[in-house]
Amino acid sequence: MVLYGRRGCHLCDIAREQVARACASAGATWREVDVDDDAELVARYSDLVPVVTVDGRHHAHWRVDEAELLTALRN
């Protein structure tokens, strides 16, 4: 599971907490990527952060539904 975000993004801060809880509950690992460190990621995700992908597929952007994320992680 990957959380794409950026520094200073309040929605990213909220998503980070939700992702951490959901992953802990599901026993899943996750990593965070700062989109501003990669021009391609800026082009792809800049206006959508935070973006969450599960198994390489787009799961959510802007707001994360923690229950839906937990379901996706368990499947």
PDB file of N, CA and C in Angstrom:
ATOM      1  N   MET A   1       0.843  -1.154   0.000  1.00  0.00           N
ATOM      2  CA  MET A   1       0.000   0.000   0.000  1.00  0.00           C
ATOM      3  C   MET A   1       0.894   1.224   0.000  1.00  0.00           C
ATOM      4  N   VAL A   2       0.533   2.187  -0.806  1.00  0.00           N
ATOM      5  CA  VAL A   2       1.339   3.409  -0.906  1.00  0.00           C
ATOM      6  C   VAL A   2       0.434   4.621  -0.690  1.00  0.00           C
ATOM      7  N   LEU A   3       0.936   5.544   0.099  1.00  0.00           N
ATOM      8  CA  LEU A   3       0.285   6.842   0.280  1.00  0.00           C
ATOM      9  C   LEU A   3       1.161   7.880  -0.420  1.00  0.00           C
ATOM     10  N   TYR A   4       0.614   8.507  -1.437  1.00  0.00           N
ATOM     11  CA  TYR A   4       1.305   9.596  -2.130  1.00  0.00           C
ATOM     12  C   TYR A   4       0.808  10.903  -1.542  1.00  0.00           C
ATOM     13  N   GLY A   5       1.721  11.735  -1.112  1.00  0.00           N
ATOM     14  CA  GLY A   5       1.344  13.002  -0.505  1.00  0.00           C
ATOM     15  C   GLY A   5       2.444  14.030  -0.655  1.00  0.00           C
ATOM     16  N   ARG A   6       2.354  15.052   0.181  1.00  0.00           N
ATOM     17  CA  ARG A   6       3.385  16.096   0.172  1.00  0.00           C
ATOM     18  C   ARG A   6       3.434  16.762   1.540  1.00  0.00           C
ATOM     19  N   ARG A   7       4.561  17.366   1.806  1.00  0.00           N
ATOM     20  CA  ARG A   7       4.737  18.099   3.058  1.00  0.00           C
ATOM     21  C   ARG A   7       3.782  19.299   3.092  1.00  0.00           C
ATOM     22  N   GLY A   8       3.271  19.588   4.268  1.00  0.00           N
ATOM     23  CA  GLY A   8       2.408  20.750   4.432  1.00  0.00           C
ATOM     24  C   GLY A   8       0.974  20.546   3.979  1.00  0.00           C
ATOM     25  N   CYS A   9       0.597  19.340   3.664  1.00  0.00           N
ATOM     26  CA  CYS A   9      -0.761  19.032   3.184  1.00  0.00           C
ATOM     27  C   CYS A   9      -1.576  18.495   4.356  1.00  0.00           C
ATOM     28  N   HIS A  10      -2.586  19.263   4.783  1.00  0.00           N
ATOM     29  CA  HIS A  10      -3.367  18.824   5.947  1.00  0.00           C
ATOM     30  C   HIS A  10      -4.176  17.569   5.659  1.00  0.00           C
ATOM     31  N   LEU A  11      -4.653  17.393   4.427  1.00  0.00           N
ATOM     32  CA  LEU A  11      -5.369  16.165   4.084  1.00  0.00           C
ATOM     33  C   LEU A  11      -4.425  14.968   4.111  1.00  0.00           C
ATOM     34  N   CYS A  12      -3.170  15.193   3.746  1.00  0.00           N
ATOM     35  CA  CYS A  12      -2.165  14.125   3.795  1.00  0.00           C
ATOM     36  C   CYS A  12      -1.910  13.712   5.239  1.00  0.00           C
ATOM     37  N   ASP A  13      -1.889  14.667   6.139  1.00  0.00           N
ATOM     38  CA  ASP A  13      -1.690  14.368   7.559  1.00  0.00           C
ATOM     39  C   ASP A  13      -2.817  13.480   8.089  1.00  0.00           C
ATOM     40  N   ILE A  14      -4.031  13.809   7.714  1.00  0.00           N
ATOM     41  CA  ILE A  14      -5.193  13.012   8.138  1.00  0.00           C
ATOM     42  C   ILE A  14      -5.123  11.620   7.515  1.00  0.00           C
ATOM     43  N   ALA A  15      -4.841  11.561   6.214  1.00  0.00           N
ATOM     44  CA  ALA A  15      -4.762  10.277   5.518  1.00  0.00           C
ATOM     45  C   ALA A  15      -3.674   9.395   6.117  1.00  0.00           C
ATOM     46  N   ARG A  16      -2.542   9.977   6.473  1.00  0.00           N
ATOM     47  CA  ARG A  16      -1.435   9.217   7.061  1.00  0.00           C
ATOM     48  C   ARG A  16      -1.892   8.489   8.327  1.00  0.00           C
ATOM     49  N   GLU A  17      -2.640   9.178   9.177  1.00  0.00           N
ATOM     50  CA  GLU A  17      -3.139   8.565  10.402  1.00  0.00           C
ATOM     51  C   GLU A  17      -4.122   7.434  10.090  1.00  0.00           C
ATOM     52  N   GLN A  18      -5.010   7.656   9.127  1.00  0.00           N
ATOM     53  CA  GLN A  18      -5.989   6.646   8.760  1.00  0.00           C
ATOM     54  C   GLN A  18      -5.314   5.420   8.141  1.00  0.00           C
ATOM     55  N   VAL A  19      -4.354   5.657   7.270  1.00  0.00           N
ATOM     56  CA  VAL A  19      -3.623   4.567   6.630  1.00  0.00           C
ATOM     57  C   VAL A  19      -2.867   3.760   7.676  1.00  0.00           C
ATOM     58  N   ALA A  20      -2.213   4.430   8.589  1.00  0.00           N
ATOM     59  CA  ALA A  20      -1.452   3.735   9.629  1.00  0.00           C
ATOM     60  C   ALA A  20      -2.367   2.846  10.470  1.00  0.00           C
ATOM     61  N   ARG A  21      -3.535   3.352  10.844  1.00  0.00           N
ATOM     62  CA  ARG A  21      -4.474   2.557  11.641  1.00  0.00           C
ATOM     63  C   ARG A  21      -4.999   1.357  10.853  1.00  0.00           C
ATOM     64  N   ALA A  22      -5.412   1.595   9.609  1.00  0.00           N
ATOM     65  CA  ALA A  22      -5.967   0.517   8.799  1.00  0.00           C
ATOM     66  C   ALA A  22      -4.921  -0.566   8.536  1.00  0.00           C
ATOM     67  N   CYS A  23      -3.713  -0.158   8.233  1.00  0.00           N
ATOM     68  CA  CYS A  23      -2.655  -1.135   7.967  1.00  0.00           C
ATOM     69  C   CYS A  23      -2.298  -1.908   9.225  1.00  0.00           C
ATOM     70  N   ALA A  24      -2.249  -1.250  10.363  1.00  0.00           N
ATOM     71  CA  ALA A  24      -1.963  -1.935  11.620  1.00  0.00           C
ATOM     72  C   ALA A  24      -3.044  -2.971  11.913  1.00  0.00           C
ATOM     73  N   SER A  25      -4.279  -2.603  11.673  1.00  0.00           N
ATOM     74  CA  SER A  25      -5.393  -3.508  11.928  1.00  0.00           C
ATOM     75  C   SER A  25      -5.379  -4.707  10.978  1.00  0.00           C
ATOM     76  N   ALA A  26      -4.989  -4.476   9.726  1.00  0.00           N
ATOM     77  CA  ALA A  26      -4.979  -5.538   8.716  1.00  0.00           C
ATOM     78  C   ALA A  26      -3.661  -6.303   8.688  1.00  0.00           C
ATOM     79  N   GLY A  27      -2.675  -5.838   9.441  1.00  0.00           N
ATOM     80  CA  GLY A  27      -1.366  -6.471   9.403  1.00  0.00           C
ATOM     81  C   GLY A  27      -0.638  -6.225   8.092  1.00  0.00           C
ATOM     82  N   ALA A  28      -0.937  -5.093   7.464  1.00  0.00           N
ATOM     83  CA  ALA A  28      -0.347  -4.756   6.169  1.00  0.00           C
ATOM     84  C   ALA A  28       0.763  -3.724   6.338  1.00  0.00           C
ATOM     85  N   THR A  29       1.666  -3.713   5.389  1.00  0.00           N
ATOM     86  CA  THR A  29       2.715  -2.706   5.393  1.00  0.00           C
ATOM     87  C   THR A  29       2.340  -1.593   4.422  1.00  0.00           C
ATOM     88  N   TRP A  30       2.926  -0.442   4.663  1.00  0.00           N
ATOM     89  CA  TRP A  30       2.677   0.690   3.770  1.00  0.00           C
ATOM     90  C   TRP A  30       3.905   1.561   3.740  1.00  0.00           C
ATOM     91  N   ARG A  31       3.945   2.398   2.715  1.00  0.00           N
ATOM     92  CA  ARG A  31       5.021   3.380   2.624  1.00  0.00           C
ATOM     93  C   ARG A  31       4.425   4.675   2.099  1.00  0.00           C
ATOM     94  N   GLU A  32       5.136   5.744   2.389  1.00  0.00           N
ATOM     95  CA  GLU A  32       4.690   7.064   1.938  1.00  0.00           C
ATOM     96  C   GLU A  32       5.696   7.611   0.938  1.00  0.00           C
ATOM     97  N   VAL A  33       5.182   8.204  -0.122  1.00  0.00           N
ATOM     98  CA  VAL A  33       6.009   8.799  -1.164  1.00  0.00           C
ATOM     99  C   VAL A  33       5.629  10.269  -1.299  1.00  0.00           C
ATOM    100  N   ASP A  34       6.615  11.147  -1.260  1.00  0.00           N
ATOM    101  CA  ASP A  34       6.386  12.577  -1.452  1.00  0.00           C
ATOM    102  C   ASP A  34       6.389  12.856  -2.956  1.00  0.00           C
ATOM    103  N   VAL A  35       5.249  13.256  -3.490  1.00  0.00           N
ATOM    104  CA  VAL A  35       5.144  13.475  -4.932  1.00  0.00           C
ATOM    105  C   VAL A  35       6.061  14.584  -5.419  1.00  0.00           C
ATOM    106  N   ASP A  36       6.395  15.512  -4.542  1.00  0.00           N
ATOM    107  CA  ASP A  36       7.224  16.639  -4.952  1.00  0.00           C
ATOM    108  C   ASP A  36       8.681  16.251  -5.203  1.00  0.00           C
ATOM    109  N   ASP A  37       9.033  15.004  -4.886  1.00  0.00           N
ATOM    110  CA  ASP A  37      10.390  14.524  -5.132  1.00  0.00           C
ATOM    111  C   ASP A  37      10.567  13.929  -6.527  1.00  0.00           C
ATOM    112  N   ASP A  38       9.490  13.880  -7.314  1.00  0.00           N
ATOM    113  CA  ASP A  38       9.546  13.223  -8.620  1.00  0.00           C
ATOM    114  C   ASP A  38       8.628  13.965  -9.593  1.00  0.00           C
ATOM    115  N   ALA A  39       9.185  14.502 -10.658  1.00  0.00           N
ATOM    116  CA  ALA A  39       8.408  15.297 -11.624  1.00  0.00           C
ATOM    117  C   ALA A  39       7.249  14.504 -12.222  1.00  0.00           C
ATOM    118  N   GLU A  40       7.455  13.214 -12.463  1.00  0.00           N
ATOM    119  CA  GLU A  40       6.381  12.384 -13.024  1.00  0.00           C
ATOM    120  C   GLU A  40       5.216  12.257 -12.040  1.00  0.00           C
ATOM    121  N   LEU A  41       5.545  12.093 -10.757  1.00  0.00           N
ATOM    122  CA  LEU A  41       4.490  12.003  -9.746  1.00  0.00           C
ATOM    123  C   LEU A  41       3.768  13.327  -9.564  1.00  0.00           C
ATOM    124  N   VAL A  42       4.484  14.431  -9.678  1.00  0.00           N
ATOM    125  CA  VAL A  42       3.841  15.750  -9.621  1.00  0.00           C
ATOM    126  C   VAL A  42       2.826  15.864 -10.752  1.00  0.00           C
ATOM    127  N   ALA A  43       3.226  15.472 -11.943  1.00  0.00           N
ATOM    128  CA  ALA A  43       2.325  15.548 -13.098  1.00  0.00           C
ATOM    129  C   ALA A  43       1.100  14.648 -12.910  1.00  0.00           C
ATOM    130  N   ARG A  44       1.308  13.491 -12.318  1.00  0.00           N
ATOM    131  CA  ARG A  44       0.224  12.518 -12.172  1.00  0.00           C
ATOM    132  C   ARG A  44      -0.705  12.831 -11.004  1.00  0.00           C
ATOM    133  N   TYR A  45      -0.142  13.234  -9.852  1.00  0.00           N
ATOM    134  CA  TYR A  45      -0.922  13.300  -8.619  1.00  0.00           C
ATOM    135  C   TYR A  45      -1.040  14.678  -7.970  1.00  0.00           C
ATOM    136  N   SER A  46      -0.411  15.688  -8.494  1.00  0.00           N
ATOM    137  CA  SER A  46      -0.305  16.963  -7.796  1.00  0.00           C
ATOM    138  C   SER A  46      -1.624  17.490  -7.242  1.00  0.00           C
ATOM    139  N   ASP A  47      -2.661  17.511  -8.060  1.00  0.00           N
ATOM    140  CA  ASP A  47      -3.942  18.068  -7.619  1.00  0.00           C
ATOM    141  C   ASP A  47      -4.816  17.059  -6.875  1.00  0.00           C
ATOM    142  N   LEU A  48      -4.351  15.820  -6.741  1.00  0.00           N
ATOM    143  CA  LEU A  48      -5.167  14.774  -6.139  1.00  0.00           C
ATOM    144  C   LEU A  48      -4.724  14.358  -4.740  1.00  0.00           C
ATOM    145  N   VAL A  49      -3.537  14.786  -4.303  1.00  0.00           N
ATOM    146  CA  VAL A  49      -3.013  14.275  -3.028  1.00  0.00           C
ATOM    147  C   VAL A  49      -3.923  14.600  -1.863  1.00  0.00           C
ATOM    148  N   PRO A  50      -3.992  13.698  -0.912  1.00  0.00           N
ATOM    149  CA  PRO A  50      -3.308  12.426  -0.857  1.00  0.00           C
ATOM    150  C   PRO A  50      -3.969  11.394  -1.770  1.00  0.00           C
ATOM    151  N   VAL A  51      -3.135  10.521  -2.316  1.00  0.00           N
ATOM    152  CA  VAL A  51      -3.593   9.411  -3.149  1.00  0.00           C
ATOM    153  C   VAL A  51      -3.142   8.121  -2.478  1.00  0.00           C
ATOM    154  N   VAL A  52      -4.055   7.165  -2.400  1.00  0.00           N
ATOM    155  CA  VAL A  52      -3.751   5.864  -1.821  1.00  0.00           C
ATOM    156  C   VAL A  52      -3.892   4.815  -2.912  1.00  0.00           C
ATOM    157  N   THR A  53      -2.864   3.970  -3.037  1.00  0.00           N
ATOM    158  CA  THR A  53      -2.951   2.830  -3.949  1.00  0.00           C
ATOM    159  C   THR A  53      -2.826   1.551  -3.135  1.00  0.00           C
ATOM    160  N   VAL A  54      -3.581   0.555  -3.547  1.00  0.00           N
ATOM    161  CA  VAL A  54      -3.527  -0.768  -2.923  1.00  0.00           C
ATOM    162  C   VAL A  54      -3.210  -1.762  -4.032  1.00  0.00           C
ATOM    163  N   ASP A  55      -2.148  -2.513  -3.854  1.00  0.00           N
ATOM    164  CA  ASP A  55      -1.689  -3.464  -4.866  1.00  0.00           C
ATOM    165  C   ASP A  55      -1.494  -2.790  -6.217  1.00  0.00           C
ATOM    166  N   GLY A  56      -0.977  -1.552  -6.197  1.00  0.00           N
ATOM    167  CA  GLY A  56      -0.675  -0.831  -7.427  1.00  0.00           C
ATOM    168  C   GLY A  56      -1.863  -0.180  -8.105  1.00  0.00           C
ATOM    169  N   ARG A  57      -3.047  -0.320  -7.511  1.00  0.00           N
ATOM    170  CA  ARG A  57      -4.247   0.282  -8.114  1.00  0.00           C
ATOM    171  C   ARG A  57      -4.760   1.433  -7.267  1.00  0.00           C
ATOM    172  N   HIS A  58      -5.231   2.454  -7.951  1.00  0.00           N
ATOM    173  CA  HIS A  58      -5.788   3.635  -7.285  1.00  0.00           C
ATOM    174  C   HIS A  58      -6.936   3.199  -6.381  1.00  0.00           C
ATOM    175  N   HIS A  59      -6.858   3.590  -5.131  1.00  0.00           N
ATOM    176  CA  HIS A  59      -7.924   3.268  -4.190  1.00  0.00           C
ATOM    177  C   HIS A  59      -8.718   4.524  -3.807  1.00  0.00           C
ATOM    178  N   ALA A  60      -8.020   5.609  -3.514  1.00  0.00           N
ATOM    179  CA  ALA A  60      -8.705   6.830  -3.069  1.00  0.00           C
ATOM    180  C   ALA A  60      -7.803   8.033  -3.293  1.00  0.00           C
ATOM    181  N   HIS A  61      -8.433   9.193  -3.349  1.00  0.00           N
ATOM    182  CA  HIS A  61      -7.685  10.443  -3.362  1.00  0.00           C
ATOM    183  C   HIS A  61      -8.489  11.486  -2.589  1.00  0.00           C
ATOM    184  N   TRP A  62      -7.801  12.523  -2.169  1.00  0.00           N
ATOM    185  CA  TRP A  62      -8.317  13.606  -1.328  1.00  0.00           C
ATOM    186  C   TRP A  62      -8.709  13.130   0.066  1.00  0.00           C
ATOM    187  N   ARG A  63      -9.678  12.258   0.137  1.00  0.00           N
ATOM    188  CA  ARG A  63     -10.138  11.758   1.436  1.00  0.00           C
ATOM    189  C   ARG A  63     -10.124  10.234   1.425  1.00  0.00           C
ATOM    190  N   VAL A  64      -9.722   9.663   2.546  1.00  0.00           N
ATOM    191  CA  VAL A  64      -9.642   8.218   2.676  1.00  0.00           C
ATOM    192  C   VAL A  64     -10.754   7.751   3.600  1.00  0.00           C
ATOM    193  N   ASP A  65     -11.531   6.780   3.138  1.00  0.00           N
ATOM    194  CA  ASP A  65     -12.520   6.144   3.993  1.00  0.00           C
ATOM    195  C   ASP A  65     -11.814   4.967   4.650  1.00  0.00           C
ATOM    196  N   GLU A  66     -11.573   5.081   5.939  1.00  0.00           N
ATOM    197  CA  GLU A  66     -10.768   4.094   6.641  1.00  0.00           C
ATOM    198  C   GLU A  66     -11.387   2.689   6.580  1.00  0.00           C
ATOM    199  N   ALA A  67     -12.700   2.587   6.694  1.00  0.00           N
ATOM    200  CA  ALA A  67     -13.369   1.273   6.636  1.00  0.00           C
ATOM    201  C   ALA A  67     -13.203   0.646   5.249  1.00  0.00           C
ATOM    202  N   GLU A  68     -13.361   1.444   4.201  1.00  0.00           N
ATOM    203  CA  GLU A  68     -13.178   0.923   2.844  1.00  0.00           C
ATOM    204  C   GLU A  68     -11.744   0.501   2.602  1.00  0.00           C
ATOM    205  N   LEU A  69     -10.792   1.267   3.140  1.00  0.00           N
ATOM    206  CA  LEU A  69      -9.390   0.901   2.989  1.00  0.00           C
ATOM    207  C   LEU A  69      -9.105  -0.403   3.703  1.00  0.00           C
ATOM    208  N   LEU A  70      -9.621  -0.564   4.895  1.00  0.00           N
ATOM    209  CA  LEU A  70      -9.426  -1.791   5.640  1.00  0.00           C
ATOM    210  C   LEU A  70      -9.987  -2.985   4.869  1.00  0.00           C
ATOM    211  N   THR A  71     -11.152  -2.850   4.283  1.00  0.00           N
ATOM    212  CA  THR A  71     -11.733  -3.907   3.459  1.00  0.00           C
ATOM    213  C   THR A  71     -10.836  -4.241   2.281  1.00  0.00           C
ATOM    214  N   ALA A  72     -10.332  -3.227   1.598  1.00  0.00           N
ATOM    215  CA  ALA A  72      -9.458  -3.444   0.448  1.00  0.00           C
ATOM    216  C   ALA A  72      -8.168  -4.141   0.867  1.00  0.00           C
ATOM    217  N   LEU A  73      -7.647  -3.801   2.014  1.00  0.00           N
ATOM    218  CA  LEU A  73      -6.398  -4.420   2.484  1.00  0.00           C
ATOM    219  C   LEU A  73      -6.594  -5.883   2.866  1.00  0.00           C
ATOM    220  N   ARG A  74      -7.769  -6.212   3.313  1.00  0.00           N
ATOM    221  CA  ARG A  74      -8.053  -7.599   3.734  1.00  0.00           C
ATOM    222  C   ARG A  74      -8.422  -8.508   2.565  1.00  0.00           C
ATOM    223  N   ASN A  75      -8.713  -7.931   1.407  1.00  0.00           N
ATOM    224  CA  ASN A  75      -9.083  -8.754   0.241  1.00  0.00           C
ATOM    225  C   ASN A  75      -7.883  -9.103  -0.578  1.00  0.00           C
TER     226      ASN A  75
END
